[in-house]
Amino acid sequence: EIMGVNIVVTDMEKTVRLLEEKLEDWRGKYICVANVHTTVTAHDDPTYQAVQNGAVMALPDGGPLSKFSREQGYVDAARVTGPDLMKEMLKESADKHYRHYFYGSTQPFRPLTPEEDAAVIRRINETKPDFVWVGLGAPKQERWMAAHEDKVQAVMVGVGAAFDYEAGNIRRAPMWMQRHNLEWLYRLMQDPKRLFKRYLTTNIKYLWWTWKQ
């Protein structure tokens, strides 16, 4: 448990195998990819915390989360990012024949009417996907998945900017920055106007919380 959010102790290989084993059991359920921003937001917002803890898994997308888990004695805890998980599951599709649906990215998403929302659910389910990758950004994507639990007949996974990485719209941080938990800094340099306040407030709150532990 980190700031009230239950973060799974895992690594990429275990996560991929678990998705394979639990695919049918988890249809209609959702997976969150948690980082410092989402965890601090959940700590401050009980409704969002309930969304995070209502997932079948909250993966440690943020390096500081898996690092904290290791410091608590969970030595096998490793970072599993949304974009990397999506890539791995797409690779697995060659042998496993998984079907995928991609929902989100840069198009503005206003609140839908009930009729429009029903049409979206129908359109997704008609394609018979195994996985629905949701790229609406946090906390919107997690709230969307929770609201559509047991309506969308696939495993939903919130993956943030994964679509933009794959499309080449946003460059991902160099591997050395990822390894040293500095991917947030690279994102900040790319989009300082939007991200400065977010990272300043959530990073300070997280550091203060971990220091108190």
C-alpha atoms as a PDB file:
ATOM      1  CA  GLU A   1       0.000   0.000   0.000  1.00  0.00           C
ATOM      2  CA  ILE A   2       1.418   3.376  -1.045  1.00  0.00           C
ATOM      3  CA  MET A   3      -0.508   6.466   0.089  1.00  0.00           C
ATOM      4  CA  GLY A   4      -3.654   4.336   0.313  1.00  0.00           C
ATOM      5  CA  VAL A   5      -3.295   2.780  -3.148  1.00  0.00           C
ATOM      6  CA  ASN A   6      -2.669  -0.951  -3.501  1.00  0.00           C
ATOM      7  CA  ILE A   7       0.260  -1.273  -5.913  1.00  0.00           C
ATOM      8  CA  VAL A   8       0.938  -4.759  -7.262  1.00  0.00           C
ATOM      9  CA  VAL A   9       4.418  -6.239  -6.771  1.00  0.00           C
ATOM     10  CA  THR A  10       5.387  -7.620 -10.165  1.00  0.00           C
ATOM     11  CA  ASP A  11       7.639  -7.279 -13.208  1.00  0.00           C
ATOM     12  CA  MET A  12       6.963  -7.220 -16.955  1.00  0.00           C
ATOM     13  CA  GLU A  13       7.291 -10.972 -17.529  1.00  0.00           C
ATOM     14  CA  LYS A  14       4.979 -11.851 -14.620  1.00  0.00           C
ATOM     15  CA  THR A  15       2.441  -9.255 -15.746  1.00  0.00           C
ATOM     16  CA  VAL A  16       2.328 -10.546 -19.330  1.00  0.00           C
ATOM     17  CA  ARG A  17       1.897 -14.150 -18.123  1.00  0.00           C
ATOM     18  CA  LEU A  18      -0.802 -13.093 -15.648  1.00  0.00           C
ATOM     19  CA  LEU A  19      -2.755 -11.317 -18.382  1.00  0.00           C
ATOM     20  CA  GLU A  20      -2.570 -14.466 -20.474  1.00  0.00           C
ATOM     21  CA  GLU A  21      -3.832 -16.635 -17.599  1.00  0.00           C
ATOM     22  CA  LYS A  22      -6.545 -14.252 -16.370  1.00  0.00           C
ATOM     23  CA  LEU A  23      -7.826 -12.879 -19.689  1.00  0.00           C
ATOM     24  CA  GLU A  24     -11.219 -14.569 -19.585  1.00  0.00           C
ATOM     25  CA  ASP A  25     -11.697 -14.053 -15.839  1.00  0.00           C
ATOM     26  CA  TRP A  26     -10.884 -10.356 -16.153  1.00  0.00           C
ATOM     27  CA  ARG A  27     -13.105  -9.482 -19.105  1.00  0.00           C
ATOM     28  CA  GLY A  28     -15.058  -6.358 -18.166  1.00  0.00           C
ATOM     29  CA  LYS A  29     -12.457  -5.390 -15.536  1.00  0.00           C
ATOM     30  CA  TYR A  30      -9.706  -2.791 -15.711  1.00  0.00           C
ATOM     31  CA  ILE A  31      -6.035  -2.264 -14.920  1.00  0.00           C
ATOM     32  CA  CYS A  32      -4.551   1.047 -13.755  1.00  0.00           C
ATOM     33  CA  VAL A  33      -0.957   2.059 -14.353  1.00  0.00           C
ATOM     34  CA  ALA A  34      -0.007   4.082 -11.303  1.00  0.00           C
ATOM     35  CA  ASN A  35       2.666   6.739 -10.927  1.00  0.00           C
ATOM     36  CA  VAL A  36       3.443   9.459  -8.385  1.00  0.00           C
ATOM     37  CA  HIS A  37       0.860  11.807  -9.913  1.00  0.00           C
ATOM     38  CA  THR A  38      -2.016   9.288  -9.839  1.00  0.00           C
ATOM     39  CA  THR A  39      -1.069   8.005  -6.375  1.00  0.00           C
ATOM     40  CA  VAL A  40      -0.935  11.464  -4.790  1.00  0.00           C
ATOM     41  CA  THR A  41      -4.175  12.399  -6.582  1.00  0.00           C
ATOM     42  CA  ALA A  42      -5.814   9.254  -5.182  1.00  0.00           C
ATOM     43  CA  HIS A  43      -4.512  10.050  -1.691  1.00  0.00           C
ATOM     44  CA  ASP A  44      -6.204  13.471  -1.861  1.00  0.00           C
ATOM     45  CA  ASP A  45      -9.423  12.256  -3.544  1.00  0.00           C
ATOM     46  CA  PRO A  46     -11.277   9.309  -1.948  1.00  0.00           C
ATOM     47  CA  THR A  47     -13.420   8.737  -5.052  1.00  0.00           C
ATOM     48  CA  TYR A  48     -10.348   8.409  -7.262  1.00  0.00           C
ATOM     49  CA  GLN A  49      -8.657   6.204  -4.652  1.00  0.00           C
ATOM     50  CA  ALA A  50     -11.681   3.897  -4.844  1.00  0.00           C
ATOM     51  CA  VAL A  51     -11.287   3.792  -8.635  1.00  0.00           C
ATOM     52  CA  GLN A  52      -7.596   2.875  -8.330  1.00  0.00           C
ATOM     53  CA  ASN A  53      -8.266   0.192  -5.717  1.00  0.00           C
ATOM     54  CA  GLY A  54     -11.230  -1.136  -7.701  1.00  0.00           C
ATOM     55  CA  ALA A  55      -8.905  -2.255 -10.489  1.00  0.00           C
ATOM     56  CA  VAL A  56      -7.784  -5.878 -10.726  1.00  0.00           C
ATOM     57  CA  MET A  57      -4.250  -4.433 -10.662  1.00  0.00           C
ATOM     58  CA  ALA A  58      -2.597  -1.063 -10.177  1.00  0.00           C
ATOM     59  CA  LEU A  59       0.775  -1.490 -11.867  1.00  0.00           C
ATOM     60  CA  PRO A  60       3.854   0.506 -10.771  1.00  0.00           C
ATOM     61  CA  ASP A  61       4.263   2.631 -13.902  1.00  0.00           C
ATOM     62  CA  GLY A  62       6.287   5.164 -11.922  1.00  0.00           C
ATOM     63  CA  GLY A  63       9.797   4.122 -10.906  1.00  0.00           C
ATOM     64  CA  PRO A  64       9.520   5.688  -7.428  1.00  0.00           C
ATOM     65  CA  LEU A  65       6.616   3.335  -6.619  1.00  0.00           C
ATOM     66  CA  SER A  66       8.524   0.135  -7.371  1.00  0.00           C
ATOM     67  CA  LYS A  67      11.574   1.616  -5.606  1.00  0.00           C
ATOM     68  CA  PHE A  68       9.489   2.247  -2.478  1.00  0.00           C
ATOM     69  CA  SER A  69       8.165  -1.334  -2.635  1.00  0.00           C
ATOM     70  CA  ARG A  70      11.717  -2.696  -2.786  1.00  0.00           C
ATOM     71  CA  GLU A  71      12.657  -0.577   0.231  1.00  0.00           C
ATOM     72  CA  GLN A  72       9.758  -2.191   2.101  1.00  0.00           C
ATOM     73  CA  GLY A  73      11.227  -5.642   1.467  1.00  0.00           C
ATOM     74  CA  TYR A  74       9.512  -6.562  -1.815  1.00  0.00           C
ATOM     75  CA  VAL A  75      12.811  -7.143  -3.575  1.00  0.00           C
ATOM     76  CA  ASP A  76      11.244  -8.365  -6.839  1.00  0.00           C
ATOM     77  CA  ALA A  77       9.166  -5.227  -7.371  1.00  0.00           C
ATOM     78  CA  ALA A  78       9.932  -3.760 -10.807  1.00  0.00           C
ATOM     79  CA  ARG A  79       8.553  -0.935 -12.905  1.00  0.00           C
ATOM     80  CA  VAL A  80       5.882  -1.912 -15.465  1.00  0.00           C
ATOM     81  CA  THR A  81       4.930   1.066 -17.633  1.00  0.00           C
ATOM     82  CA  GLY A  82       1.718   1.303 -19.623  1.00  0.00           C
ATOM     83  CA  PRO A  83       3.442   2.000 -22.967  1.00  0.00           C
ATOM     84  CA  ASP A  84       5.870  -0.907 -22.466  1.00  0.00           C
ATOM     85  CA  LEU A  85       3.081  -3.285 -21.441  1.00  0.00           C
ATOM     86  CA  MET A  86       1.048  -2.360 -24.513  1.00  0.00           C
ATOM     87  CA  LYS A  87       4.083  -3.057 -26.710  1.00  0.00           C
ATOM     88  CA  GLU A  88       4.654  -6.437 -25.083  1.00  0.00           C
ATOM     89  CA  MET A  89       1.032  -7.498 -25.474  1.00  0.00           C
ATOM     90  CA  LEU A  90       1.038  -6.432 -29.126  1.00  0.00           C
ATOM     91  CA  LYS A  91       4.116  -8.634 -29.642  1.00  0.00           C
ATOM     92  CA  GLU A  92       2.347 -11.527 -27.917  1.00  0.00           C
ATOM     93  CA  SER A  93      -0.525 -11.170 -30.379  1.00  0.00           C
ATOM     94  CA  ALA A  94       1.485 -12.819 -33.144  1.00  0.00           C
ATOM     95  CA  ASP A  95       1.238 -16.151 -31.310  1.00  0.00           C
ATOM     96  CA  LYS A  96      -1.794 -15.624 -29.088  1.00  0.00           C
ATOM     97  CA  HIS A  97      -3.976 -13.868 -31.712  1.00  0.00           C
ATOM     98  CA  TYR A  98      -5.165 -11.212 -29.275  1.00  0.00           C
ATOM     99  CA  ARG A  99      -7.556  -8.595 -30.599  1.00  0.00           C
ATOM    100  CA  HIS A 100      -7.023  -4.940 -29.577  1.00  0.00           C
ATOM    101  CA  TYR A 101      -9.089  -1.756 -29.476  1.00  0.00           C
ATOM    102  CA  PHE A 102      -7.541   1.681 -28.988  1.00  0.00           C
ATOM    103  CA  TYR A 103      -9.640   4.386 -27.346  1.00  0.00           C
ATOM    104  CA  GLY A 104      -8.402   7.918 -26.803  1.00  0.00           C
ATOM    105  CA  SER A 105      -5.372  10.039 -27.806  1.00  0.00           C
ATOM    106  CA  THR A 106      -5.441  13.661 -28.955  1.00  0.00           C
ATOM    107  CA  GLN A 107      -9.051  14.158 -30.043  1.00  0.00           C
ATOM    108  CA  PRO A 108     -10.916  16.299 -27.464  1.00  0.00           C
ATOM    109  CA  PHE A 109     -13.245  14.141 -25.406  1.00  0.00           C
ATOM    110  CA  ARG A 110     -16.219  16.075 -24.052  1.00  0.00           C
ATOM    111  CA  PRO A 111     -18.696  14.340 -21.744  1.00  0.00           C
ATOM    112  CA  LEU A 112     -20.834  12.006 -23.853  1.00  0.00           C
ATOM    113  CA  THR A 113     -24.593  11.773 -23.711  1.00  0.00           C
ATOM    114  CA  PRO A 114     -25.967   8.424 -22.490  1.00  0.00           C
ATOM    115  CA  GLU A 115     -26.916   7.586 -26.083  1.00  0.00           C
ATOM    116  CA  GLU A 116     -23.429   8.412 -27.379  1.00  0.00           C
ATOM    117  CA  ASP A 117     -21.826   6.413 -24.583  1.00  0.00           C
ATOM    118  CA  ALA A 118     -24.019   3.394 -25.349  1.00  0.00           C
ATOM    119  CA  ALA A 119     -22.969   3.669 -29.000  1.00  0.00           C
ATOM    120  CA  VAL A 120     -19.282   3.694 -27.989  1.00  0.00           C
ATOM    121  CA  ILE A 121     -19.736   0.568 -25.847  1.00  0.00           C
ATOM    122  CA  ARG A 122     -21.618  -1.164 -28.656  1.00  0.00           C
ATOM    123  CA  ARG A 123     -18.946  -0.224 -31.207  1.00  0.00           C
ATOM    124  CA  ILE A 124     -16.153  -1.545 -28.955  1.00  0.00           C
ATOM    125  CA  ASN A 125     -17.918  -4.813 -28.140  1.00  0.00           C
ATOM    126  CA  GLU A 126     -18.831  -5.455 -31.778  1.00  0.00           C
ATOM    127  CA  THR A 127     -15.121  -5.708 -32.604  1.00  0.00           C
ATOM    128  CA  LYS A 128     -14.730  -8.462 -29.947  1.00  0.00           C
ATOM    129  CA  PRO A 129     -11.436  -7.176 -28.496  1.00  0.00           C
ATOM    130  CA  ASP A 130      -9.428  -8.941 -25.822  1.00  0.00           C
ATOM    131  CA  PHE A 131      -7.798  -5.695 -24.681  1.00  0.00           C
ATOM    132  CA  VAL A 132      -9.021  -2.102 -24.799  1.00  0.00           C
ATOM    133  CA  TRP A 133      -6.113   0.322 -24.428  1.00  0.00           C
ATOM    134  CA  VAL A 134      -7.407   3.612 -23.019  1.00  0.00           C
ATOM    135  CA  GLY A 135      -5.327   6.720 -23.657  1.00  0.00           C
ATOM    136  CA  LEU A 136      -7.304   9.572 -22.112  1.00  0.00           C
ATOM    137  CA  GLY A 137      -4.708  10.666 -19.560  1.00  0.00           C
ATOM    138  CA  ALA A 138      -5.062  10.449 -15.780  1.00  0.00           C
ATOM    139  CA  PRO A 139      -7.381  10.698 -13.953  1.00  0.00           C
ATOM    140  CA  LYS A 140      -9.899  10.689 -16.819  1.00  0.00           C
ATOM    141  CA  GLN A 141      -8.913   7.282 -18.216  1.00  0.00           C
ATOM    142  CA  GLU A 142      -9.213   5.524 -14.853  1.00  0.00           C
ATOM    143  CA  ARG A 143     -12.611   7.078 -14.175  1.00  0.00           C
ATOM    144  CA  TRP A 144     -13.738   6.082 -17.682  1.00  0.00           C
ATOM    145  CA  MET A 145     -12.667   2.465 -17.155  1.00  0.00           C
ATOM    146  CA  ALA A 146     -14.365   2.238 -13.751  1.00  0.00           C
ATOM    147  CA  ALA A 147     -17.579   3.682 -15.212  1.00  0.00           C
ATOM    148  CA  HIS A 148     -17.510   1.043 -17.968  1.00  0.00           C
ATOM    149  CA  GLU A 149     -16.655  -1.931 -15.768  1.00  0.00           C
ATOM    150  CA  ASP A 150     -18.636  -5.010 -16.887  1.00  0.00           C
ATOM    151  CA  LYS A 151     -20.021  -3.029 -19.843  1.00  0.00           C
ATOM    152  CA  VAL A 152     -16.959  -3.250 -22.073  1.00  0.00           C
ATOM    153  CA  GLN A 153     -16.333  -6.964 -22.622  1.00  0.00           C
ATOM    154  CA  ALA A 154     -12.546  -6.847 -22.630  1.00  0.00           C
ATOM    155  CA  VAL A 155      -9.688  -6.108 -20.251  1.00  0.00           C
ATOM    156  CA  MET A 156      -9.304  -2.319 -20.133  1.00  0.00           C
ATOM    157  CA  VAL A 157      -5.842  -0.849 -19.508  1.00  0.00           C
ATOM    158  CA  GLY A 158      -5.147   2.863 -19.038  1.00  0.00           C
ATOM    159  CA  VAL A 159      -1.942   3.748 -20.877  1.00  0.00           C
ATOM    160  CA  GLY A 160      -1.687   7.548 -20.866  1.00  0.00           C
ATOM    161  CA  ALA A 161       0.549   8.819 -23.661  1.00  0.00           C
ATOM    162  CA  ALA A 162       1.286   5.380 -25.168  1.00  0.00           C
ATOM    163  CA  PHE A 163      -0.497   6.131 -28.447  1.00  0.00           C
ATOM    164  CA  ASP A 164       1.489   9.328 -28.933  1.00  0.00           C
ATOM    165  CA  TYR A 165       4.754   7.489 -28.262  1.00  0.00           C
ATOM    166  CA  GLU A 166       3.905   4.832 -30.845  1.00  0.00           C
ATOM    167  CA  ALA A 167       2.802   7.445 -33.397  1.00  0.00           C
ATOM    168  CA  GLY A 168       5.965   9.470 -32.848  1.00  0.00           C
ATOM    169  CA  ASN A 169       4.032  12.549 -31.699  1.00  0.00           C
ATOM    170  CA  ILE A 170       5.932  12.580 -28.385  1.00  0.00           C
ATOM    171  CA  ARG A 171       9.494  11.400 -27.892  1.00  0.00           C
ATOM    172  CA  ARG A 172      10.041   9.062 -24.973  1.00  0.00           C
ATOM    173  CA  ALA A 173      12.797   9.766 -22.462  1.00  0.00           C
ATOM    174  CA  PRO A 174      16.184   8.133 -23.144  1.00  0.00           C
ATOM    175  CA  MET A 175      16.634   4.776 -21.430  1.00  0.00           C
ATOM    176  CA  TRP A 176      19.165   6.170 -18.915  1.00  0.00           C
ATOM    177  CA  MET A 177      16.558   8.686 -17.721  1.00  0.00           C
ATOM    178  CA  GLN A 178      13.937   5.938 -17.449  1.00  0.00           C
ATOM    179  CA  ARG A 179      16.329   3.775 -15.409  1.00  0.00           C
ATOM    180  CA  HIS A 180      17.014   6.657 -12.999  1.00  0.00           C
ATOM    181  CA  ASN A 181      13.320   7.564 -12.499  1.00  0.00           C
ATOM    182  CA  LEU A 182      13.710  10.790 -14.475  1.00  0.00           C
ATOM    183  CA  GLU A 183      11.121  10.216 -17.187  1.00  0.00           C
ATOM    184  CA  TRP A 184       8.909  12.820 -15.491  1.00  0.00           C
ATOM    185  CA  LEU A 185      11.682  15.411 -15.971  1.00  0.00           C
ATOM    186  CA  TYR A 186      11.901  14.641 -19.686  1.00  0.00           C
ATOM    187  CA  ARG A 187       8.118  15.007 -20.006  1.00  0.00           C
ATOM    188  CA  LEU A 188       8.305  18.292 -18.088  1.00  0.00           C
ATOM    189  CA  MET A 189      10.898  19.664 -20.515  1.00  0.00           C
ATOM    190  CA  GLN A 190       8.618  18.735 -23.423  1.00  0.00           C
ATOM    191  CA  ASP A 191       5.471  20.333 -21.979  1.00  0.00           C
ATOM    192  CA  PRO A 192       6.421  22.676 -19.106  1.00  0.00           C
ATOM    193  CA  LYS A 193       3.314  24.856 -19.281  1.00  0.00           C
ATOM    194  CA  ARG A 194       0.925  21.954 -18.717  1.00  0.00           C
ATOM    195  CA  LEU A 195       3.036  19.805 -16.411  1.00  0.00           C
ATOM    196  CA  PHE A 196       5.007  22.188 -14.161  1.00  0.00           C
ATOM    197  CA  LYS A 197       2.312  22.731 -11.518  1.00  0.00           C
ATOM    198  CA  ARG A 198       1.323  19.040 -11.571  1.00  0.00           C
ATOM    199  CA  TYR A 199       4.844  17.761 -10.990  1.00  0.00           C
ATOM    200  CA  LEU A 200       5.764  20.448  -8.478  1.00  0.00           C
ATOM    201  CA  THR A 201       2.801  19.727  -6.218  1.00  0.00           C
ATOM    202  CA  THR A 202       2.555  15.943  -6.546  1.00  0.00           C
ATOM    203  CA  ASN A 203       6.309  15.267  -6.374  1.00  0.00           C
ATOM    204  CA  ILE A 204       6.696  17.381  -3.222  1.00  0.00           C
ATOM    205  CA  LYS A 205       3.717  15.671  -1.560  1.00  0.00           C
ATOM    206  CA  TYR A 206       5.096  12.240  -2.463  1.00  0.00           C
ATOM    207  CA  LEU A 207       8.598  13.040  -1.195  1.00  0.00           C
ATOM    208  CA  TRP A 208       7.139  14.402   2.054  1.00  0.00           C
ATOM    209  CA  TRP A 209       5.015  11.270   2.508  1.00  0.00           C
ATOM    210  CA  THR A 210       7.936   8.872   1.867  1.00  0.00           C
ATOM    211  CA  TRP A 211      10.172  10.886   4.217  1.00  0.00           C
ATOM    212  CA  LYS A 212       7.564  10.527   6.980  1.00  0.00           C
ATOM    213  CA  GLN A 213       7.469   6.764   6.466  1.00  0.00           C
END
